[in-house]
């Protein structure tokens, strides 16, 4: 009997980026929930106790950014692993990040995101990650 896949919450306001991530991470061994903003994401965090990790864009619509979202999510789920993603932040904002979080600079490959998330949640088997740099270069970046 195979274990249930880890549940991942992807928070991204850009529909095409979110769609690409959801598809790739699903193929990478996750059950993926998606949200377009912090409000939707917090509703899911409140309603679901099986979310293993959250990947969030930093720039979100609606007056809340990924940093504020992660802090609010950690009030509900103190040990929730968080990965931030952005093309605009270069690490100077690390003081705003929750403890133990990681940062992915856009553009990144979905396989890199899957590897980081699997590592953070300690999910044993990893699925179909490229091993050669030329394979990763050929993979679509988000």
N, C-alpha and C. Protein backbone atom coordinates (compact mmCIF):
# COMPACT_ATOMS: atom_id res chain seq x y z
N UNK A 1 0.84 -1.19 0.00
CA UNK A 1 0.00 0.00 0.00
C UNK A 1 0.88 1.25 0.00
N UNK A 2 0.58 2.17 -0.88
CA UNK A 2 1.38 3.38 -1.02
C UNK A 2 0.84 4.47 -0.10
N UNK A 3 1.74 5.22 0.53
CA UNK A 3 1.34 6.32 1.41
C UNK A 3 0.72 7.44 0.59
N UNK A 4 -0.16 8.19 1.25
CA UNK A 4 -0.75 9.35 0.58
C UNK A 4 0.35 10.37 0.30
N UNK A 5 0.24 11.07 -0.83
CA UNK A 5 1.26 12.09 -1.13
C UNK A 5 1.15 13.25 -0.16
N UNK A 6 2.27 13.92 0.13
CA UNK A 6 2.21 15.09 0.99
C UNK A 6 1.37 16.19 0.32
N UNK A 7 0.62 16.92 1.15
CA UNK A 7 -0.23 18.00 0.65
C UNK A 7 0.56 19.31 0.71
N UNK A 8 0.56 20.01 -0.41
CA UNK A 8 1.30 21.26 -0.56
C UNK A 8 0.33 22.37 -0.92
N UNK A 9 0.51 23.54 -0.32
CA UNK A 9 -0.28 24.72 -0.66
C UNK A 9 0.60 25.66 -1.49
N UNK A 10 0.16 25.95 -2.71
CA UNK A 10 0.85 26.89 -3.60
C UNK A 10 0.04 28.19 -3.63
N UNK A 11 0.69 29.30 -3.27
CA UNK A 11 0.03 30.61 -3.25
C UNK A 11 0.74 31.48 -4.28
N UNK A 12 0.05 31.77 -5.36
CA UNK A 12 0.62 32.52 -6.49
C UNK A 12 -0.51 33.24 -7.20
N UNK A 13 -0.38 34.56 -7.38
CA UNK A 13 -1.44 35.33 -8.01
C UNK A 13 -1.44 35.23 -9.53
N UNK A 14 -0.30 34.93 -10.14
CA UNK A 14 -0.22 34.80 -11.60
C UNK A 14 -0.75 33.43 -12.00
N UNK A 15 -1.88 33.41 -12.70
CA UNK A 15 -2.57 32.16 -13.02
C UNK A 15 -1.68 31.18 -13.77
N UNK A 16 -0.96 31.65 -14.78
CA UNK A 16 -0.13 30.74 -15.58
C UNK A 16 1.03 30.16 -14.78
N UNK A 17 1.64 30.97 -13.94
CA UNK A 17 2.71 30.47 -13.08
C UNK A 17 2.15 29.45 -12.10
N UNK A 18 1.00 29.78 -11.49
CA UNK A 18 0.36 28.86 -10.55
C UNK A 18 0.01 27.53 -11.22
N UNK A 19 -0.57 27.60 -12.42
CA UNK A 19 -0.94 26.40 -13.16
C UNK A 19 0.28 25.53 -13.45
N UNK A 20 1.36 26.15 -13.89
CA UNK A 20 2.59 25.42 -14.17
C UNK A 20 3.13 24.74 -12.92
N UNK A 21 3.15 25.48 -11.81
CA UNK A 21 3.63 24.91 -10.55
C UNK A 21 2.75 23.76 -10.07
N UNK A 22 1.44 23.97 -10.11
CA UNK A 22 0.52 22.93 -9.65
C UNK A 22 0.70 21.65 -10.46
N UNK A 23 0.77 21.78 -11.77
CA UNK A 23 0.96 20.60 -12.62
C UNK A 23 2.29 19.90 -12.33
N UNK A 24 3.36 20.68 -12.28
CA UNK A 24 4.68 20.09 -12.08
C UNK A 24 4.82 19.47 -10.69
N UNK A 25 4.31 20.14 -9.67
CA UNK A 25 4.43 19.61 -8.32
C UNK A 25 3.53 18.39 -8.11
N UNK A 26 2.40 18.36 -8.79
CA UNK A 26 1.56 17.16 -8.77
C UNK A 26 2.32 15.99 -9.37
N UNK A 27 2.98 16.25 -10.50
CA UNK A 27 3.81 15.21 -11.14
C UNK A 27 5.00 14.84 -10.26
N UNK A 28 5.41 15.77 -9.39
CA UNK A 28 6.56 15.54 -8.51
C UNK A 28 6.22 14.84 -7.21
N UNK A 29 4.98 14.36 -7.08
CA UNK A 29 4.64 13.56 -5.92
C UNK A 29 3.85 14.25 -4.84
N UNK A 30 3.31 15.43 -5.12
CA UNK A 30 2.51 16.15 -4.13
C UNK A 30 1.03 16.13 -4.51
N UNK A 31 0.17 16.23 -3.50
CA UNK A 31 -1.21 16.64 -3.71
C UNK A 31 -1.17 18.16 -3.53
N UNK A 32 -1.62 18.92 -4.52
CA UNK A 32 -1.43 20.36 -4.48
C UNK A 32 -2.75 21.09 -4.34
N UNK A 33 -2.81 21.97 -3.33
CA UNK A 33 -3.90 22.91 -3.16
C UNK A 33 -3.39 24.24 -3.68
N UNK A 34 -4.28 25.07 -4.20
CA UNK A 34 -3.82 26.35 -4.74
C UNK A 34 -4.66 27.51 -4.24
N UNK A 35 -4.01 28.67 -4.14
CA UNK A 35 -4.67 29.90 -3.73
C UNK A 35 -4.04 31.05 -4.51
N UNK A 36 -4.87 32.05 -4.84
CA UNK A 36 -4.40 33.20 -5.61
C UNK A 36 -4.01 34.38 -4.71
N UNK A 37 -4.38 34.32 -3.43
CA UNK A 37 -4.05 35.41 -2.53
C UNK A 37 -3.98 34.90 -1.09
N UNK A 38 -3.60 35.77 -0.17
CA UNK A 38 -3.41 35.38 1.23
C UNK A 38 -4.72 34.96 1.88
N UNK A 39 -5.81 35.62 1.56
CA UNK A 39 -7.10 35.27 2.16
C UNK A 39 -7.48 33.84 1.83
N UNK A 40 -7.40 33.48 0.55
CA UNK A 40 -7.70 32.10 0.13
C UNK A 40 -6.76 31.11 0.83
N UNK A 41 -5.50 31.47 0.90
CA UNK A 41 -4.51 30.57 1.51
C UNK A 41 -4.80 30.35 2.99
N UNK A 42 -5.10 31.41 3.72
CA UNK A 42 -5.38 31.26 5.15
C UNK A 42 -6.64 30.45 5.39
N UNK A 43 -7.63 30.59 4.52
CA UNK A 43 -8.84 29.77 4.63
C UNK A 43 -8.47 28.29 4.52
N UNK A 44 -7.61 27.96 3.55
CA UNK A 44 -7.18 26.57 3.39
C UNK A 44 -6.38 26.09 4.60
N UNK A 45 -5.49 26.92 5.11
CA UNK A 45 -4.69 26.54 6.28
C UNK A 45 -5.59 26.28 7.48
N UNK A 46 -6.64 27.09 7.63
CA UNK A 46 -7.60 26.89 8.73
C UNK A 46 -8.44 25.63 8.54
N UNK A 47 -8.83 25.38 7.30
CA UNK A 47 -9.75 24.27 7.00
C UNK A 47 -9.07 22.91 6.88
N UNK A 48 -7.79 22.89 6.57
CA UNK A 48 -7.09 21.62 6.31
C UNK A 48 -5.96 21.45 7.31
N UNK A 49 -5.93 20.32 7.97
CA UNK A 49 -4.84 20.07 8.91
C UNK A 49 -3.77 19.16 8.32
N UNK A 50 -3.89 18.88 7.03
CA UNK A 50 -2.95 17.96 6.38
C UNK A 50 -1.94 18.65 5.46
N UNK A 51 -1.88 19.98 5.49
CA UNK A 51 -0.94 20.70 4.63
C UNK A 51 0.47 20.51 5.18
N UNK A 52 1.34 19.91 4.36
CA UNK A 52 2.70 19.59 4.79
C UNK A 52 3.67 20.75 4.61
N UNK A 53 3.38 21.66 3.65
CA UNK A 53 4.27 22.80 3.38
C UNK A 53 3.53 23.82 2.52
N UNK A 54 4.06 25.05 2.51
CA UNK A 54 3.47 26.12 1.70
C UNK A 54 4.57 26.77 0.87
N UNK A 55 4.28 26.92 -0.42
CA UNK A 55 5.13 27.68 -1.35
C UNK A 55 4.36 28.93 -1.70
N UNK A 56 4.89 30.10 -1.33
CA UNK A 56 4.16 31.34 -1.57
C UNK A 56 5.00 32.38 -2.30
N UNK A 57 4.36 33.05 -3.23
CA UNK A 57 4.95 34.23 -3.85
C UNK A 57 5.04 35.29 -2.75
N UNK A 58 5.97 36.19 -2.85
CA UNK A 58 6.06 37.27 -1.87
C UNK A 58 5.09 38.38 -2.22
N UNK A 59 5.00 38.74 -3.50
CA UNK A 59 4.11 39.81 -3.93
C UNK A 59 2.73 39.24 -4.21
N UNK A 60 1.78 39.54 -3.33
CA UNK A 60 0.41 39.04 -3.47
C UNK A 60 -0.56 40.20 -3.51
N UNK A 61 -1.69 40.03 -4.16
CA UNK A 61 -2.71 41.08 -4.19
C UNK A 61 -3.48 41.14 -2.87
N UNK A 62 -4.19 42.22 -2.66
CA UNK A 62 -5.10 42.31 -1.53
C UNK A 62 -4.50 42.88 -0.26
N UNK A 63 -3.34 43.49 -0.35
CA UNK A 63 -2.78 44.18 0.81
C UNK A 63 -1.95 43.32 1.75
N UNK A 64 -1.79 42.04 1.46
CA UNK A 64 -0.96 41.17 2.29
C UNK A 64 0.09 40.52 1.41
N UNK A 65 1.33 40.48 1.90
CA UNK A 65 2.37 39.83 1.11
C UNK A 65 2.66 38.43 1.65
N UNK A 66 3.56 37.73 0.99
CA UNK A 66 3.89 36.38 1.40
C UNK A 66 4.49 36.29 2.79
N UNK A 67 5.22 37.34 3.21
CA UNK A 67 5.79 37.35 4.55
C UNK A 67 4.68 37.38 5.60
N UNK A 68 3.71 38.30 5.43
CA UNK A 68 2.59 38.40 6.37
C UNK A 68 1.76 37.12 6.35
N UNK A 69 1.56 36.56 5.16
CA UNK A 69 0.82 35.30 5.05
C UNK A 69 1.51 34.20 5.85
N UNK A 70 2.80 34.06 5.69
CA UNK A 70 3.53 33.01 6.41
C UNK A 70 3.44 33.20 7.92
N UNK A 71 3.56 34.44 8.38
CA UNK A 71 3.44 34.70 9.82
C UNK A 71 2.05 34.32 10.33
N UNK A 72 1.01 34.68 9.57
CA UNK A 72 -0.36 34.33 9.97
C UNK A 72 -0.58 32.82 9.93
N UNK A 73 -0.04 32.16 8.92
CA UNK A 73 -0.17 30.70 8.82
C UNK A 73 0.55 30.02 9.98
N UNK A 74 1.67 30.57 10.40
CA UNK A 74 2.43 29.97 11.50
C UNK A 74 1.71 30.15 12.85
N UNK A 75 0.83 31.14 12.97
CA UNK A 75 0.02 31.26 14.18
C UNK A 75 -0.90 30.05 14.27
N UNK A 76 -1.45 29.65 13.12
CA UNK A 76 -2.37 28.52 13.05
C UNK A 76 -1.61 27.20 13.10
N UNK A 77 -0.52 27.11 12.35
CA UNK A 77 0.30 25.89 12.23
C UNK A 77 1.76 26.27 12.48
N UNK A 78 2.20 26.29 13.74
CA UNK A 78 3.53 26.79 14.09
C UNK A 78 4.71 26.11 13.40
N UNK A 79 4.57 24.88 13.00
CA UNK A 79 5.70 24.16 12.39
C UNK A 79 5.61 24.08 10.87
N UNK A 80 4.69 24.82 10.25
CA UNK A 80 4.48 24.73 8.80
C UNK A 80 5.74 25.16 8.04
N UNK A 81 6.32 24.26 7.23
CA UNK A 81 7.46 24.67 6.39
C UNK A 81 7.01 25.66 5.31
N UNK A 82 7.80 26.70 5.09
CA UNK A 82 7.45 27.75 4.14
C UNK A 82 8.61 27.97 3.16
N UNK A 83 8.26 28.04 1.87
CA UNK A 83 9.21 28.42 0.84
C UNK A 83 8.66 29.68 0.17
N UNK A 84 9.45 30.74 0.15
CA UNK A 84 9.07 31.97 -0.53
C UNK A 84 9.62 31.95 -1.94
N UNK A 85 8.87 32.57 -2.87
CA UNK A 85 9.33 32.68 -4.26
C UNK A 85 9.09 34.11 -4.73
N UNK A 86 10.08 34.68 -5.41
CA UNK A 86 9.91 36.01 -5.95
C UNK A 86 11.04 36.33 -6.93
N UNK A 87 10.71 37.16 -7.88
CA UNK A 87 11.72 37.66 -8.80
C UNK A 87 12.21 39.03 -8.41
N UNK A 88 11.64 39.60 -7.36
CA UNK A 88 11.96 40.98 -6.98
C UNK A 88 12.77 41.11 -5.71
N UNK A 89 12.80 40.08 -4.90
CA UNK A 89 13.50 40.15 -3.63
C UNK A 89 14.80 39.38 -3.73
N UNK A 90 15.84 39.94 -3.17
CA UNK A 90 17.14 39.30 -3.28
C UNK A 90 17.73 38.84 -1.97
N UNK A 91 16.95 38.73 -0.93
CA UNK A 91 17.46 38.26 0.34
C UNK A 91 17.57 39.34 1.40
N UNK A 92 17.50 40.60 1.01
CA UNK A 92 17.60 41.69 1.98
C UNK A 92 16.43 41.67 2.95
N UNK A 93 15.35 41.03 2.57
CA UNK A 93 14.15 41.00 3.39
C UNK A 93 14.09 39.79 4.29
N UNK A 94 15.20 39.06 4.43
CA UNK A 94 15.20 37.83 5.20
C UNK A 94 14.69 38.03 6.62
N UNK A 95 14.85 39.21 7.18
CA UNK A 95 14.35 39.48 8.52
C UNK A 95 12.85 39.39 8.62
N UNK A 96 12.15 39.49 7.50
CA UNK A 96 10.69 39.39 7.49
C UNK A 96 10.22 37.94 7.38
N UNK A 97 11.11 37.04 7.01
CA UNK A 97 10.75 35.65 6.77
C UNK A 97 10.59 34.89 8.09
N UNK A 98 9.73 33.87 8.08
CA UNK A 98 9.56 33.04 9.26
C UNK A 98 10.78 32.13 9.42
N UNK A 99 11.04 31.71 10.64
CA UNK A 99 12.19 30.85 10.94
C UNK A 99 12.13 29.56 10.13
N UNK A 100 13.30 29.16 9.63
CA UNK A 100 13.42 27.91 8.92
C UNK A 100 12.91 27.91 7.50
N UNK A 101 12.50 29.07 7.00
CA UNK A 101 11.97 29.15 5.64
C UNK A 101 13.11 29.18 4.63
N UNK A 102 12.75 28.98 3.38
CA UNK A 102 13.71 29.06 2.28
C UNK A 102 13.19 30.00 1.22
N UNK A 103 14.08 30.43 0.33
CA UNK A 103 13.74 31.38 -0.72
C UNK A 103 14.15 30.83 -2.07
N UNK A 104 13.24 30.90 -3.05
CA UNK A 104 13.53 30.56 -4.43
C UNK A 104 13.42 31.82 -5.27
N UNK A 105 14.49 32.18 -5.96
CA UNK A 105 14.47 33.34 -6.84
C UNK A 105 13.88 32.94 -8.18
N UNK A 106 12.88 33.71 -8.63
CA UNK A 106 12.30 33.47 -9.95
C UNK A 106 13.23 34.06 -10.99
N UNK A 107 13.39 33.42 -12.13
CA UNK A 107 12.72 32.18 -12.51
C UNK A 107 13.44 30.96 -11.94
N UNK A 108 12.66 29.94 -11.57
CA UNK A 108 13.22 28.68 -11.11
C UNK A 108 12.46 27.55 -11.80
N UNK A 109 13.05 26.38 -11.79
CA UNK A 109 12.38 25.24 -12.41
C UNK A 109 11.46 24.59 -11.38
N UNK A 110 10.32 24.06 -11.83
CA UNK A 110 9.45 23.35 -10.90
C UNK A 110 10.15 22.17 -10.22
N UNK A 111 11.09 21.54 -10.90
CA UNK A 111 11.80 20.41 -10.27
C UNK A 111 12.65 20.89 -9.10
N UNK A 112 13.21 22.09 -9.20
CA UNK A 112 13.96 22.64 -8.07
C UNK A 112 13.01 22.89 -6.90
N UNK A 113 11.84 23.47 -7.18
CA UNK A 113 10.85 23.70 -6.12
C UNK A 113 10.46 22.38 -5.47
N UNK A 114 10.22 21.35 -6.27
CA UNK A 114 9.84 20.03 -5.73
C UNK A 114 10.95 19.48 -4.85
N UNK A 115 12.20 19.60 -5.28
CA UNK A 115 13.32 19.08 -4.50
C UNK A 115 13.43 19.81 -3.16
N UNK A 116 13.31 21.13 -3.17
CA UNK A 116 13.38 21.92 -1.94
C UNK A 116 12.24 21.54 -1.01
N UNK A 117 11.04 21.43 -1.54
CA UNK A 117 9.88 21.09 -0.71
C UNK A 117 9.98 19.68 -0.14
N UNK A 118 10.38 18.73 -0.96
CA UNK A 118 10.56 17.36 -0.45
C UNK A 118 11.60 17.35 0.67
N UNK A 119 12.67 18.10 0.49
CA UNK A 119 13.71 18.18 1.51
C UNK A 119 13.17 18.79 2.80
N UNK A 120 12.39 19.85 2.69
CA UNK A 120 11.87 20.54 3.87
C UNK A 120 10.91 19.69 4.68
N UNK A 121 10.09 18.90 3.99
CA UNK A 121 9.11 18.11 4.73
C UNK A 121 9.61 16.70 5.03
N UNK A 122 10.80 16.38 4.52
CA UNK A 122 11.37 15.08 4.80
C UNK A 122 10.66 13.94 4.10
N UNK A 123 10.03 14.24 2.97
CA UNK A 123 9.34 13.18 2.22
C UNK A 123 10.40 12.32 1.57
N UNK A 124 10.37 11.05 1.90
CA UNK A 124 11.40 10.12 1.45
C UNK A 124 11.71 10.15 -0.02
N UNK A 125 10.91 9.53 -0.85
CA UNK A 125 11.23 9.37 -2.26
C UNK A 125 10.96 10.66 -3.03
N UNK A 126 11.91 11.02 -3.86
CA UNK A 126 11.71 12.16 -4.75
C UNK A 126 11.37 11.64 -6.12
N UNK A 127 10.64 12.42 -6.88
CA UNK A 127 10.13 11.96 -8.16
C UNK A 127 10.73 12.73 -9.32
N UNK A 128 11.34 12.04 -10.26
CA UNK A 128 11.73 12.55 -11.58
C UNK A 128 12.38 13.92 -11.55
N UNK A 129 13.45 14.06 -10.79
CA UNK A 129 14.17 15.32 -10.78
C UNK A 129 15.34 15.23 -11.75
N UNK A 130 15.59 16.27 -12.53
CA UNK A 130 16.68 16.20 -13.50
C UNK A 130 18.02 16.10 -12.78
N UNK A 131 18.93 15.33 -13.35
CA UNK A 131 20.23 15.17 -12.71
C UNK A 131 21.33 15.92 -13.42
N UNK A 132 21.14 16.19 -14.70
CA UNK A 132 22.17 16.88 -15.47
C UNK A 132 21.79 18.34 -15.67
N UNK A 133 22.77 19.27 -15.60
CA UNK A 133 22.46 20.69 -15.78
C UNK A 133 21.75 20.97 -17.10
N UNK A 134 22.12 20.27 -18.17
CA UNK A 134 21.47 20.55 -19.46
C UNK A 134 19.99 20.16 -19.43
N UNK A 135 19.63 19.14 -18.63
CA UNK A 135 18.22 18.78 -18.50
C UNK A 135 17.47 19.89 -17.80
N UNK A 136 18.06 20.45 -16.73
CA UNK A 136 17.40 21.52 -16.01
C UNK A 136 17.28 22.76 -16.87
N UNK A 137 18.31 23.05 -17.67
CA UNK A 137 18.25 24.21 -18.56
C UNK A 137 17.12 24.07 -19.56
N UNK A 138 16.82 22.85 -19.97
CA UNK A 138 15.77 22.62 -20.96
C UNK A 138 14.38 22.67 -20.33
N UNK A 139 14.30 22.55 -19.01
CA UNK A 139 13.01 22.55 -18.33
C UNK A 139 12.44 23.97 -18.26
N UNK A 140 11.15 24.08 -18.38
CA UNK A 140 10.50 25.38 -18.30
C UNK A 140 10.69 25.99 -16.91
N UNK A 141 10.99 27.25 -16.90
CA UNK A 141 11.16 27.96 -15.63
C UNK A 141 9.92 28.79 -15.35
N UNK A 142 9.65 28.97 -14.05
CA UNK A 142 8.51 29.80 -13.64
C UNK A 142 9.00 30.98 -12.85
